[in-house]
Amino acid sequence: MSTTTPSPLLSDSLKGLGLDAGTLFFALNYEFTKIEPKGLFKRFKKNQGAIDIDLACVLYDELCTIRDIVWFKQLRDKAESVKHQGDSLNGKDRGEQAMYLAPLDQEQIRLFLDKIPAHITHIAMIANSYHDHPFSRVKKGEIHLSDDEGNRCFEVNLKQLPRDCTTLWVAHLRREVDDWHLTLHNLPLSAEGLAEAAKEVAHELARSLPIPQGV
């Protein structure tokens, strides 16, 4: 299944979406976009001259407690079931094979679902603009999820996100008895940075848990 215009209502099991539940690829591809600092800040922002978007997968237990996070500061979880393929700083620094619309994704996280530890119940997929440049300022770009057969279940067009969005809860996997259930959120977060975003998502996940009987 593949969509060019993501729907916030997308929510189904991986089998229902026609995905191979063995390996998933949470990936990012965007065109190099130069940003010119203005005014007094210009001389202090020499390392912020291009949009830098980062991906993360956050692993939670059934109580929505953060148990692990895979991002540019930690390229794999303790069980090596989720692996980051390396950080791209500006959308073009990984060579011509990993530029926008090239064969390779600029930034990619691989999820080996059969290896996810049993105590992990939720996996959140998050994107963040490292220098707080809104996603919508990229020339072109997308975030997508696919399996190892190349089947895509969603594509998020960065240009179509809210104009002030710099951190995004893209999607969420919830463990089921014999499968994983995927929900596409596309929810802008107020948190700055991936670590704070992981905590904000934990709070949102906890709010959605069923209320125990008798409470």
N, C-alpha and C. Protein backbone atom coordinates (compact mmCIF):
# COMPACT_ATOMS: atom_id res chain seq x y z
N MET A 1 0.85 -1.20 0.00
CA MET A 1 0.00 0.00 0.00
C MET A 1 0.88 1.24 0.00
N SER A 2 0.53 2.23 -0.81
CA SER A 2 1.31 3.46 -0.87
C SER A 2 0.40 4.63 -1.07
N THR A 3 0.66 5.70 -0.32
CA THR A 3 -0.15 6.90 -0.47
C THR A 3 0.76 8.10 -0.62
N THR A 4 0.39 9.03 -1.48
CA THR A 4 1.18 10.24 -1.64
C THR A 4 0.68 11.34 -0.73
N THR A 5 -0.57 11.26 -0.31
CA THR A 5 -1.13 12.21 0.64
C THR A 5 -1.49 11.45 1.91
N PRO A 6 -0.67 11.52 2.96
CA PRO A 6 -0.91 10.71 4.15
C PRO A 6 -2.20 11.08 4.85
N SER A 7 -2.88 10.07 5.35
CA SER A 7 -4.12 10.30 6.08
C SER A 7 -3.87 10.12 7.56
N PRO A 8 -4.32 11.06 8.39
CA PRO A 8 -4.12 10.92 9.83
C PRO A 8 -4.94 9.78 10.42
N LEU A 9 -5.86 9.20 9.60
CA LEU A 9 -6.72 8.13 10.08
C LEU A 9 -6.12 6.75 9.80
N LEU A 10 -4.95 6.70 9.14
CA LEU A 10 -4.34 5.43 8.84
C LEU A 10 -4.01 4.69 10.14
N SER A 11 -4.65 3.54 10.34
CA SER A 11 -4.42 2.76 11.54
C SER A 11 -4.85 1.32 11.26
N ASP A 12 -3.90 0.41 11.23
CA ASP A 12 -4.22 -0.96 10.89
C ASP A 12 -3.03 -1.84 11.28
N SER A 13 -3.25 -3.14 11.28
CA SER A 13 -2.15 -4.06 11.52
C SER A 13 -1.23 -4.06 10.31
N LEU A 14 0.02 -4.45 10.52
CA LEU A 14 0.94 -4.50 9.39
C LEU A 14 0.45 -5.48 8.33
N LYS A 15 -0.12 -6.59 8.78
CA LYS A 15 -0.66 -7.55 7.82
C LYS A 15 -1.81 -6.93 7.03
N GLY A 16 -2.64 -6.16 7.73
CA GLY A 16 -3.76 -5.50 7.06
C GLY A 16 -3.29 -4.48 6.05
N LEU A 17 -2.12 -3.89 6.28
CA LEU A 17 -1.56 -2.91 5.36
C LEU A 17 -0.75 -3.55 4.25
N GLY A 18 -0.64 -4.88 4.29
CA GLY A 18 0.09 -5.59 3.25
C GLY A 18 1.59 -5.51 3.39
N LEU A 19 2.08 -5.29 4.61
CA LEU A 19 3.52 -5.18 4.83
C LEU A 19 4.10 -6.48 5.36
N ASP A 20 5.31 -6.79 4.94
CA ASP A 20 6.07 -7.88 5.54
C ASP A 20 6.51 -7.42 6.92
N ALA A 21 6.06 -8.14 7.94
CA ALA A 21 6.33 -7.71 9.32
C ALA A 21 7.72 -8.08 9.81
N GLY A 22 8.62 -8.50 8.91
CA GLY A 22 9.97 -8.87 9.34
C GLY A 22 10.85 -7.65 9.60
N THR A 23 11.03 -6.82 8.56
CA THR A 23 11.89 -5.65 8.66
C THR A 23 11.17 -4.43 8.10
N LEU A 24 11.22 -3.32 8.84
CA LEU A 24 10.65 -2.06 8.37
C LEU A 24 11.76 -1.02 8.25
N PHE A 25 11.55 -0.07 7.34
CA PHE A 25 12.51 1.01 7.11
C PHE A 25 11.80 2.34 7.32
N PHE A 26 12.16 3.02 8.40
CA PHE A 26 11.66 4.37 8.69
C PHE A 26 12.70 5.31 8.11
N ALA A 27 12.33 6.08 7.09
CA ALA A 27 13.36 6.76 6.31
C ALA A 27 12.98 8.19 5.95
N LEU A 28 14.02 8.94 5.61
CA LEU A 28 13.91 10.35 5.32
C LEU A 28 14.68 10.67 4.05
N ASN A 29 14.09 11.53 3.21
CA ASN A 29 14.78 11.97 2.01
C ASN A 29 14.32 13.39 1.71
N TYR A 30 15.27 14.32 1.61
CA TYR A 30 14.89 15.70 1.32
C TYR A 30 15.99 16.41 0.55
N GLU A 31 15.60 17.44 -0.17
CA GLU A 31 16.54 18.18 -0.98
C GLU A 31 17.31 19.16 -0.11
N PHE A 32 18.61 19.24 -0.35
CA PHE A 32 19.45 20.19 0.38
C PHE A 32 18.83 21.58 0.32
N THR A 33 18.64 22.18 1.49
CA THR A 33 18.00 23.50 1.56
C THR A 33 18.85 24.43 2.40
N LYS A 34 19.43 25.42 1.77
CA LYS A 34 20.28 26.37 2.46
C LYS A 34 19.43 27.43 3.14
N ILE A 35 19.81 27.76 4.36
CA ILE A 35 19.12 28.79 5.14
C ILE A 35 20.12 29.90 5.47
N GLU A 36 19.79 31.11 5.09
CA GLU A 36 20.68 32.24 5.36
C GLU A 36 20.29 32.91 6.67
N PRO A 37 21.16 32.86 7.70
CA PRO A 37 20.88 33.58 8.94
C PRO A 37 20.79 35.08 8.66
N LYS A 38 19.96 35.75 9.44
CA LYS A 38 19.76 37.18 9.23
C LYS A 38 20.15 38.00 10.47
N GLY A 39 20.44 39.27 10.25
CA GLY A 39 20.65 40.20 11.34
C GLY A 39 21.83 39.86 12.23
N LEU A 40 21.66 40.14 13.52
CA LEU A 40 22.75 39.98 14.48
C LEU A 40 23.14 38.53 14.69
N PHE A 41 22.24 37.60 14.33
CA PHE A 41 22.51 36.18 14.58
C PHE A 41 23.38 35.57 13.49
N LYS A 42 23.60 36.30 12.42
CA LYS A 42 24.28 35.73 11.26
C LYS A 42 25.64 35.14 11.61
N ARG A 43 26.45 35.89 12.38
CA ARG A 43 27.80 35.41 12.66
C ARG A 43 27.84 34.29 13.68
N PHE A 44 26.75 34.08 14.40
CA PHE A 44 26.72 33.02 15.41
C PHE A 44 26.16 31.71 14.86
N LYS A 45 25.68 31.71 13.61
CA LYS A 45 24.99 30.54 13.09
C LYS A 45 25.69 29.94 11.88
N LYS A 46 27.00 29.98 11.88
CA LYS A 46 27.72 29.48 10.71
C LYS A 46 27.52 27.98 10.50
N ASN A 47 27.17 27.24 11.54
CA ASN A 47 26.94 25.80 11.40
C ASN A 47 25.46 25.47 11.22
N GLN A 48 24.64 26.49 11.05
CA GLN A 48 23.21 26.27 10.90
C GLN A 48 22.73 26.74 9.53
N GLY A 49 23.61 26.68 8.53
CA GLY A 49 23.29 27.23 7.22
C GLY A 49 22.44 26.36 6.35
N ALA A 50 22.07 25.17 6.79
CA ALA A 50 21.21 24.27 6.01
C ALA A 50 20.28 23.52 6.95
N ILE A 51 19.13 23.16 6.46
CA ILE A 51 18.18 22.40 7.27
C ILE A 51 18.74 21.01 7.56
N ASP A 52 18.67 20.60 8.80
CA ASP A 52 19.17 19.30 9.26
C ASP A 52 18.02 18.59 9.97
N ILE A 53 17.52 17.52 9.37
CA ILE A 53 16.38 16.78 9.94
C ILE A 53 16.88 15.44 10.46
N ASP A 54 16.47 15.09 11.66
CA ASP A 54 16.88 13.84 12.30
C ASP A 54 15.67 12.95 12.58
N LEU A 55 15.92 11.64 12.52
CA LEU A 55 14.90 10.65 12.83
C LEU A 55 15.26 9.93 14.13
N ALA A 56 14.23 9.44 14.81
CA ALA A 56 14.44 8.63 16.01
C ALA A 56 13.32 7.61 16.14
N CYS A 57 13.66 6.47 16.71
CA CYS A 57 12.67 5.48 17.14
C CYS A 57 12.82 5.31 18.65
N VAL A 58 11.72 5.47 19.35
CA VAL A 58 11.74 5.38 20.80
C VAL A 58 10.97 4.13 21.22
N LEU A 59 11.58 3.33 22.07
CA LEU A 59 10.99 2.07 22.51
C LEU A 59 10.44 2.22 23.93
N TYR A 60 9.18 1.85 24.11
CA TYR A 60 8.49 1.98 25.39
C TYR A 60 7.97 0.61 25.84
N ASP A 61 7.83 0.44 27.16
CA ASP A 61 7.20 -0.77 27.68
C ASP A 61 5.69 -0.55 27.79
N GLU A 62 4.98 -1.49 28.41
CA GLU A 62 3.52 -1.42 28.45
C GLU A 62 3.01 -0.27 29.31
N LEU A 63 3.86 0.28 30.16
CA LEU A 63 3.49 1.44 30.98
C LEU A 63 3.91 2.75 30.32
N CYS A 64 4.38 2.65 29.08
CA CYS A 64 4.82 3.82 28.31
C CYS A 64 6.07 4.48 28.90
N THR A 65 6.86 3.68 29.59
CA THR A 65 8.14 4.14 30.09
C THR A 65 9.19 3.99 28.99
N ILE A 66 10.01 5.01 28.80
CA ILE A 66 11.06 4.94 27.78
C ILE A 66 12.09 3.90 28.20
N ARG A 67 12.30 2.91 27.34
CA ARG A 67 13.28 1.88 27.63
C ARG A 67 14.53 1.98 26.75
N ASP A 68 14.39 2.63 25.62
CA ASP A 68 15.53 2.79 24.72
C ASP A 68 15.18 3.82 23.66
N ILE A 69 16.19 4.44 23.09
CA ILE A 69 15.98 5.39 22.01
C ILE A 69 17.11 5.23 21.00
N VAL A 70 16.74 5.15 19.73
CA VAL A 70 17.71 5.02 18.65
C VAL A 70 17.66 6.31 17.84
N TRP A 71 18.81 7.01 17.80
CA TRP A 71 18.89 8.29 17.12
C TRP A 71 20.34 8.55 16.79
N PHE A 72 20.68 9.78 16.39
CA PHE A 72 22.05 10.05 15.96
C PHE A 72 23.06 9.93 17.09
N LYS A 73 22.61 10.01 18.34
CA LYS A 73 23.52 9.87 19.48
C LYS A 73 23.68 8.41 19.92
N GLN A 74 22.78 7.56 19.50
CA GLN A 74 22.85 6.13 19.82
C GLN A 74 22.28 5.36 18.63
N LEU A 75 23.14 4.73 17.85
CA LEU A 75 22.73 4.19 16.55
C LEU A 75 22.04 2.83 16.62
N ARG A 76 21.94 2.25 17.80
CA ARG A 76 21.21 0.98 17.92
C ARG A 76 20.74 0.80 19.36
N ASP A 77 19.69 -0.01 19.52
CA ASP A 77 19.20 -0.28 20.88
C ASP A 77 20.04 -1.39 21.50
N LYS A 78 19.77 -1.68 22.76
CA LYS A 78 20.58 -2.67 23.48
C LYS A 78 20.49 -4.05 22.85
N ALA A 79 19.31 -4.39 22.30
CA ALA A 79 19.11 -5.71 21.70
C ALA A 79 19.53 -5.75 20.23
N GLU A 80 19.96 -4.61 19.69
CA GLU A 80 20.31 -4.48 18.28
C GLU A 80 19.17 -4.91 17.38
N SER A 81 17.97 -4.55 17.79
CA SER A 81 16.78 -4.84 17.00
C SER A 81 16.33 -3.64 16.18
N VAL A 82 16.85 -2.46 16.54
CA VAL A 82 16.57 -1.22 15.81
C VAL A 82 17.90 -0.55 15.56
N LYS A 83 18.19 -0.25 14.28
CA LYS A 83 19.51 0.26 13.92
C LYS A 83 19.40 1.50 13.03
N HIS A 84 20.07 2.56 13.46
CA HIS A 84 20.17 3.80 12.70
C HIS A 84 21.34 3.65 11.73
N GLN A 85 21.11 4.02 10.46
CA GLN A 85 22.14 3.82 9.44
C GLN A 85 23.12 4.98 9.31
N GLY A 86 22.98 6.00 10.16
CA GLY A 86 23.93 7.11 10.14
C GLY A 86 23.25 8.44 9.90
N ASP A 87 23.79 9.47 10.52
CA ASP A 87 23.19 10.80 10.51
C ASP A 87 23.59 11.58 9.26
N SER A 88 22.60 12.22 8.63
CA SER A 88 22.86 13.18 7.57
C SER A 88 22.68 14.57 8.14
N LEU A 89 23.65 15.45 7.91
CA LEU A 89 23.62 16.77 8.53
C LEU A 89 22.91 17.83 7.71
N ASN A 90 22.73 17.57 6.41
CA ASN A 90 22.13 18.63 5.59
C ASN A 90 21.39 18.13 4.34
N GLY A 91 21.25 16.84 4.18
CA GLY A 91 20.53 16.33 3.03
C GLY A 91 21.37 16.05 1.80
N LYS A 92 22.67 16.34 1.85
CA LYS A 92 23.51 16.05 0.68
C LYS A 92 24.89 15.49 1.05
N ASP A 93 25.16 15.36 2.35
CA ASP A 93 26.51 14.99 2.76
C ASP A 93 26.80 13.50 2.69
N ARG A 94 25.84 12.69 2.25
CA ARG A 94 26.07 11.25 2.15
C ARG A 94 26.28 10.80 0.71
N GLY A 95 26.53 11.75 -0.18
CA GLY A 95 26.87 11.41 -1.55
C GLY A 95 25.68 11.42 -2.50
N GLU A 96 25.98 11.32 -3.79
CA GLU A 96 24.94 11.43 -4.80
C GLU A 96 23.93 10.29 -4.74
N GLN A 97 24.33 9.14 -4.22
CA GLN A 97 23.42 8.01 -4.13
C GLN A 97 22.39 8.18 -3.01
N ALA A 98 22.59 9.18 -2.16
CA ALA A 98 21.67 9.40 -1.05
C ALA A 98 21.17 10.84 -1.02
N MET A 99 20.99 11.41 -2.21
CA MET A 99 20.38 12.72 -2.29
C MET A 99 18.91 12.55 -2.68
N TYR A 100 18.17 13.65 -2.68
CA TYR A 100 16.73 13.55 -2.90
C TYR A 100 16.41 12.83 -4.20
N LEU A 101 15.50 11.86 -4.13
CA LEU A 101 15.07 11.02 -5.25
C LEU A 101 16.16 10.11 -5.79
N ALA A 102 17.26 9.95 -5.04
CA ALA A 102 18.30 9.00 -5.42
C ALA A 102 17.94 7.61 -4.88
N PRO A 103 18.70 6.56 -5.26
CA PRO A 103 18.34 5.19 -4.85
C PRO A 103 18.34 4.96 -3.34
N LEU A 104 19.18 5.69 -2.60
CA LEU A 104 19.31 5.46 -1.17
C LEU A 104 18.68 6.59 -0.37
N ASP A 105 18.17 6.24 0.82
CA ASP A 105 17.65 7.25 1.73
C ASP A 105 18.80 7.97 2.40
N GLN A 106 18.63 9.27 2.63
CA GLN A 106 19.67 10.03 3.32
C GLN A 106 19.80 9.60 4.77
N GLU A 107 18.69 9.31 5.40
CA GLU A 107 18.70 8.86 6.80
C GLU A 107 17.66 7.76 6.93
N GLN A 108 18.04 6.70 7.61
CA GLN A 108 17.16 5.52 7.68
C GLN A 108 17.37 4.78 9.00
N ILE A 109 16.26 4.32 9.56
CA ILE A 109 16.30 3.46 10.74
C ILE A 109 15.63 2.15 10.38
N ARG A 110 16.32 1.06 10.63
CA ARG A 110 15.78 -0.27 10.32
C ARG A 110 15.25 -0.92 11.59
N LEU A 111 14.05 -1.44 11.49
CA LEU A 111 13.42 -2.11 12.63
C LEU A 111 13.28 -3.59 12.30
N PHE A 112 14.00 -4.43 13.04
CA PHE A 112 13.92 -5.88 12.87
C PHE A 112 12.91 -6.38 13.90
N LEU A 113 11.66 -6.44 13.48
CA LEU A 113 10.56 -6.64 14.43
C LEU A 113 10.63 -7.97 15.16
N ASP A 114 11.16 -8.99 14.52
CA ASP A 114 11.26 -10.30 15.18
C ASP A 114 12.26 -10.29 16.33
N LYS A 115 13.12 -9.27 16.36
CA LYS A 115 14.15 -9.19 17.40
C LYS A 115 13.79 -8.20 18.52
N ILE A 116 12.69 -7.49 18.36
CA ILE A 116 12.30 -6.53 19.39
C ILE A 116 12.06 -7.27 20.71
N PRO A 117 12.69 -6.87 21.81
CA PRO A 117 12.50 -7.56 23.09
C PRO A 117 11.02 -7.62 23.50
N ALA A 118 10.65 -8.68 24.17
CA ALA A 118 9.24 -8.93 24.51
C ALA A 118 8.64 -7.84 25.39
N HIS A 119 9.47 -7.17 26.19
CA HIS A 119 8.92 -6.15 27.10
C HIS A 119 8.63 -4.83 26.38
N ILE A 120 9.04 -4.72 25.12
CA ILE A 120 8.75 -3.51 24.35
C ILE A 120 7.37 -3.64 23.72
N THR A 121 6.49 -2.71 24.07
CA THR A 121 5.10 -2.76 23.60
C THR A 121 4.79 -1.68 22.58
N HIS A 122 5.49 -0.55 22.66
CA HIS A 122 5.24 0.58 21.77
C HIS A 122 6.55 1.06 21.16
N ILE A 123 6.49 1.46 19.90
CA ILE A 123 7.63 2.09 19.23
C ILE A 123 7.14 3.35 18.54
N ALA A 124 7.68 4.48 18.94
CA ALA A 124 7.29 5.76 18.33
C ALA A 124 8.35 6.18 17.32
N MET A 125 7.89 6.70 16.19
CA MET A 125 8.77 7.21 15.15
C MET A 125 8.64 8.74 15.14
N ILE A 126 9.76 9.41 15.34
CA ILE A 126 9.76 10.86 15.54
C ILE A 126 10.77 11.51 14.60
N ALA A 127 10.44 12.72 14.14
CA ALA A 127 11.37 13.52 13.33
C ALA A 127 11.53 14.88 13.99
N ASN A 128 12.74 15.42 13.88
CA ASN A 128 13.03 16.72 14.49
C ASN A 128 13.98 17.52 13.60
N SER A 129 13.71 18.81 13.50
CA SER A 129 14.60 19.72 12.79
C SER A 129 15.64 20.23 13.79
N TYR A 130 16.87 19.82 13.60
CA TYR A 130 17.91 20.03 14.62
C TYR A 130 18.12 21.51 14.95
N HIS A 131 18.07 22.38 13.95
CA HIS A 131 18.28 23.81 14.18
C HIS A 131 16.97 24.58 14.29
N ASP A 132 15.86 23.85 14.47
CA ASP A 132 14.54 24.46 14.63
C ASP A 132 14.04 25.19 13.38
N HIS A 133 14.56 24.82 12.22
CA HIS A 133 13.97 25.33 10.98
C HIS A 133 12.71 24.53 10.69
N PRO A 134 11.59 25.15 10.40
CA PRO A 134 10.36 24.41 10.10
C PRO A 134 10.55 23.43 8.94
N PHE A 135 9.96 22.25 9.06
CA PHE A 135 10.05 21.25 7.99
C PHE A 135 9.59 21.80 6.65
N SER A 136 8.57 22.65 6.70
CA SER A 136 7.95 23.15 5.47
C SER A 136 8.89 24.03 4.65
N ARG A 137 10.04 24.41 5.22
CA ARG A 137 10.97 25.27 4.50
C ARG A 137 11.88 24.48 3.55
N VAL A 138 11.85 23.16 3.62
CA VAL A 138 12.66 22.39 2.67
C VAL A 138 12.11 22.59 1.26
N LYS A 139 12.99 22.48 0.29
CA LYS A 139 12.55 22.62 -1.10
C LYS A 139 11.61 21.48 -1.49
N LYS A 140 12.03 20.27 -1.17
CA LYS A 140 11.22 19.07 -1.38
C LYS A 140 11.68 18.05 -0.36
N GLY A 141 10.78 17.18 0.07
CA GLY A 141 11.21 16.16 1.00
C GLY A 141 10.07 15.30 1.51
N GLU A 142 10.41 14.13 2.03
CA GLU A 142 9.40 13.21 2.54
C GLU A 142 9.99 12.30 3.61
N ILE A 143 9.10 11.83 4.45
CA ILE A 143 9.40 10.77 5.41
C ILE A 143 8.51 9.60 5.04
N HIS A 144 9.04 8.39 5.06
CA HIS A 144 8.22 7.26 4.67
C HIS A 144 8.56 6.01 5.48
N LEU A 145 7.65 5.05 5.39
CA LEU A 145 7.83 3.75 6.05
C LEU A 145 7.56 2.67 5.02
N SER A 146 8.48 1.71 4.95
CA SER A 146 8.33 0.62 3.99
C SER A 146 8.86 -0.66 4.59
N ASP A 147 8.59 -1.79 3.91
CA ASP A 147 9.15 -3.06 4.33
C ASP A 147 10.32 -3.41 3.40
N ASP A 148 10.93 -4.58 3.62
CA ASP A 148 12.11 -4.92 2.83
C ASP A 148 11.78 -5.40 1.43
N GLU A 149 10.49 -5.42 1.08
CA GLU A 149 10.08 -5.71 -0.28
C GLU A 149 9.81 -4.43 -1.06
N GLY A 150 9.98 -3.29 -0.40
CA GLY A 150 9.76 -2.02 -1.07
C GLY A 150 8.34 -1.51 -0.98
N ASN A 151 7.47 -2.21 -0.25
CA ASN A 151 6.08 -1.76 -0.10
C ASN A 151 6.03 -0.61 0.90
N ARG A 152 5.42 0.49 0.51
CA ARG A 152 5.28 1.65 1.40
C ARG A 152 3.86 1.72 1.95
N CYS A 153 3.76 2.09 3.22
CA CYS A 153 2.43 2.26 3.80
C CYS A 153 2.08 3.72 3.97
N PHE A 154 3.09 4.60 4.02
CA PHE A 154 2.77 6.03 4.03
C PHE A 154 3.98 6.84 3.57
N GLU A 155 3.68 8.04 3.09
CA GLU A 155 4.68 9.04 2.76
C GLU A 155 4.20 10.36 3.34
N VAL A 156 5.03 11.04 4.08
CA VAL A 156 4.69 12.33 4.66
C VAL A 156 5.44 13.41 3.88
N ASN A 157 4.70 14.26 3.21
CA ASN A 157 5.29 15.36 2.45
C ASN A 157 5.65 16.48 3.41
N LEU A 158 6.94 16.79 3.54
CA LEU A 158 7.38 17.80 4.49
C LEU A 158 6.83 19.18 4.17
N LYS A 159 6.60 19.46 2.90
CA LYS A 159 6.07 20.76 2.50
C LYS A 159 4.64 20.97 2.97
N GLN A 160 3.92 19.87 3.25
CA GLN A 160 2.52 19.97 3.64
C GLN A 160 2.30 20.01 5.14
N LEU A 161 3.39 19.99 5.91
CA LEU A 161 3.26 20.07 7.36
C LEU A 161 2.99 21.51 7.78
N PRO A 162 2.43 21.72 8.98
CA PRO A 162 2.18 23.08 9.47
C PRO A 162 3.44 23.95 9.38
N ARG A 163 3.27 25.21 9.08
CA ARG A 163 4.40 26.09 8.78
C ARG A 163 5.39 26.24 9.93
N ASP A 164 4.92 26.06 11.17
CA ASP A 164 5.82 26.23 12.32
C ASP A 164 6.27 24.91 12.93
N CYS A 165 6.00 23.81 12.27
CA CYS A 165 6.32 22.48 12.83
C CYS A 165 7.80 22.17 12.70
N THR A 166 8.46 21.91 13.83
CA THR A 166 9.88 21.54 13.85
C THR A 166 10.13 20.17 14.48
N THR A 167 9.12 19.63 15.15
CA THR A 167 9.22 18.29 15.74
C THR A 167 7.90 17.57 15.48
N LEU A 168 7.99 16.34 14.99
CA LEU A 168 6.79 15.62 14.54
C LEU A 168 6.77 14.20 15.07
N TRP A 169 5.66 13.82 15.71
CA TRP A 169 5.40 12.42 16.01
C TRP A 169 4.80 11.83 14.75
N VAL A 170 5.60 11.11 14.00
CA VAL A 170 5.17 10.63 12.69
C VAL A 170 4.19 9.47 12.82
N ALA A 171 4.61 8.42 13.52
CA ALA A 171 3.80 7.20 13.59
C ALA A 171 4.15 6.41 14.84
N HIS A 172 3.40 5.35 15.05
CA HIS A 172 3.51 4.57 16.29
C HIS A 172 3.16 3.12 15.99
N LEU A 173 4.01 2.22 16.46
CA LEU A 173 3.74 0.79 16.37
C LEU A 173 3.36 0.26 17.75
N ARG A 174 2.29 -0.50 17.82
CA ARG A 174 1.84 -1.12 19.07
C ARG A 174 1.84 -2.63 18.90
N ARG A 175 2.46 -3.32 19.84
CA ARG A 175 2.54 -4.78 19.74
C ARG A 175 1.18 -5.43 19.95
N GLU A 176 0.84 -6.35 19.07
CA GLU A 176 -0.35 -7.18 19.24
C GLU A 176 0.09 -8.61 19.46
N VAL A 177 -0.86 -9.53 19.61
CA VAL A 177 -0.52 -10.92 19.94
C VAL A 177 0.38 -11.53 18.88
N ASP A 178 0.03 -11.36 17.60
CA ASP A 178 0.80 -11.99 16.54
C ASP A 178 1.19 -11.00 15.44
N ASP A 179 1.19 -9.72 15.74
CA ASP A 179 1.49 -8.71 14.73
C ASP A 179 1.77 -7.38 15.43
N TRP A 180 2.03 -6.37 14.65
CA TRP A 180 2.15 -5.01 15.15
C TRP A 180 1.08 -4.16 14.49
N HIS A 181 0.54 -3.22 15.26
CA HIS A 181 -0.49 -2.31 14.74
C HIS A 181 0.16 -0.95 14.51
N LEU A 182 -0.02 -0.41 13.31
CA LEU A 182 0.58 0.86 12.95
C LEU A 182 -0.46 1.97 12.94
N THR A 183 -0.14 3.10 13.54
CA THR A 183 -0.98 4.30 13.47
C THR A 183 -0.13 5.46 12.97
N LEU A 184 -0.61 6.14 11.94
CA LEU A 184 0.05 7.34 11.45
C LEU A 184 -0.54 8.53 12.18
N HIS A 185 0.29 9.30 12.86
CA HIS A 185 -0.19 10.43 13.66
C HIS A 185 0.00 11.79 12.97
N ASN A 186 1.21 12.03 12.46
CA ASN A 186 1.53 13.36 11.90
C ASN A 186 1.18 14.46 12.90
N LEU A 187 1.59 14.26 14.14
CA LEU A 187 1.23 15.18 15.21
C LEU A 187 2.41 16.09 15.56
N PRO A 188 2.30 17.41 15.31
CA PRO A 188 3.36 18.32 15.73
C PRO A 188 3.50 18.32 17.24
N LEU A 189 4.75 18.35 17.71
CA LEU A 189 5.03 18.35 19.14
C LEU A 189 5.62 19.69 19.55
N SER A 190 5.40 20.06 20.80
CA SER A 190 5.94 21.32 21.31
C SER A 190 7.37 21.16 21.80
N ALA A 191 7.80 19.91 22.02
CA ALA A 191 9.14 19.64 22.55
C ALA A 191 10.21 20.10 21.57
N GLU A 192 11.34 20.53 22.13
CA GLU A 192 12.50 20.90 21.34
C GLU A 192 13.55 19.80 21.47
N GLY A 193 13.86 19.15 20.41
CA GLY A 193 14.85 18.08 20.44
C GLY A 193 14.20 16.72 20.62
N LEU A 194 14.91 15.69 20.20
CA LEU A 194 14.36 14.34 20.20
C LEU A 194 14.17 13.77 21.60
N ALA A 195 15.07 14.08 22.53
CA ALA A 195 14.95 13.54 23.89
C ALA A 195 13.67 14.04 24.56
N GLU A 196 13.39 15.33 24.43
CA GLU A 196 12.17 15.88 25.01
C GLU A 196 10.93 15.39 24.27
N ALA A 197 11.07 15.21 22.96
CA ALA A 197 9.95 14.69 22.18
C ALA A 197 9.58 13.27 22.62
N ALA A 198 10.58 12.46 22.95
CA ALA A 198 10.32 11.10 23.42
C ALA A 198 9.48 11.11 24.70
N LYS A 199 9.75 12.08 25.58
CA LYS A 199 8.98 12.20 26.83
C LYS A 199 7.56 12.68 26.54
N GLU A 200 7.41 13.61 25.60
CA GLU A 200 6.08 14.11 25.27
C GLU A 200 5.22 13.01 24.68
N VAL A 201 5.82 12.18 23.82
CA VAL A 201 5.07 11.06 23.25
C VAL A 201 4.71 10.05 24.33
N ALA A 202 5.60 9.81 25.28
CA ALA A 202 5.29 8.90 26.38
C ALA A 202 4.03 9.36 27.12
N HIS A 203 3.93 10.67 27.34
CA HIS A 203 2.76 11.23 28.00
C HIS A 203 1.51 11.01 27.16
N GLU A 204 1.62 11.23 25.86
CA GLU A 204 0.46 11.04 24.98
C GLU A 204 0.04 9.58 24.92
N LEU A 205 1.01 8.68 24.88
CA LEU A 205 0.68 7.26 24.85
C LEU A 205 0.00 6.82 26.14
N ALA A 206 0.50 7.30 27.28
CA ALA A 206 -0.09 6.94 28.56
C ALA A 206 -1.54 7.40 28.66
N ARG A 207 -1.84 8.56 28.09
CA ARG A 207 -3.21 9.07 28.11
C ARG A 207 -4.16 8.18 27.32
N SER A 208 -3.63 7.46 26.34
CA SER A 208 -4.48 6.64 25.48
C SER A 208 -4.67 5.22 26.00
N LEU A 209 -3.95 4.87 27.08
CA LEU A 209 -4.09 3.51 27.62
C LEU A 209 -5.49 3.30 28.20
N PRO A 210 -6.01 2.07 28.11
CA PRO A 210 -7.31 1.78 28.71
C PRO A 210 -7.29 2.00 30.22
N ILE A 211 -8.37 2.52 30.77
CA ILE A 211 -8.48 2.73 32.20
C ILE A 211 -8.79 1.39 32.87
N PRO A 212 -7.98 0.97 33.86
CA PRO A 212 -8.21 -0.33 34.51
C PRO A 212 -9.62 -0.38 35.12
N GLN A 213 -10.22 -1.58 35.07
CA GLN A 213 -11.55 -1.77 35.64
C GLN A 213 -11.51 -1.52 37.15
N GLY A 214 -12.58 -0.90 37.66
CA GLY A 214 -12.69 -0.63 39.07
C GLY A 214 -12.14 0.71 39.48
N VAL A 215 -11.51 1.43 38.49
CA VAL A 215 -10.95 2.74 38.81
C VAL A 215 -12.00 3.83 38.57
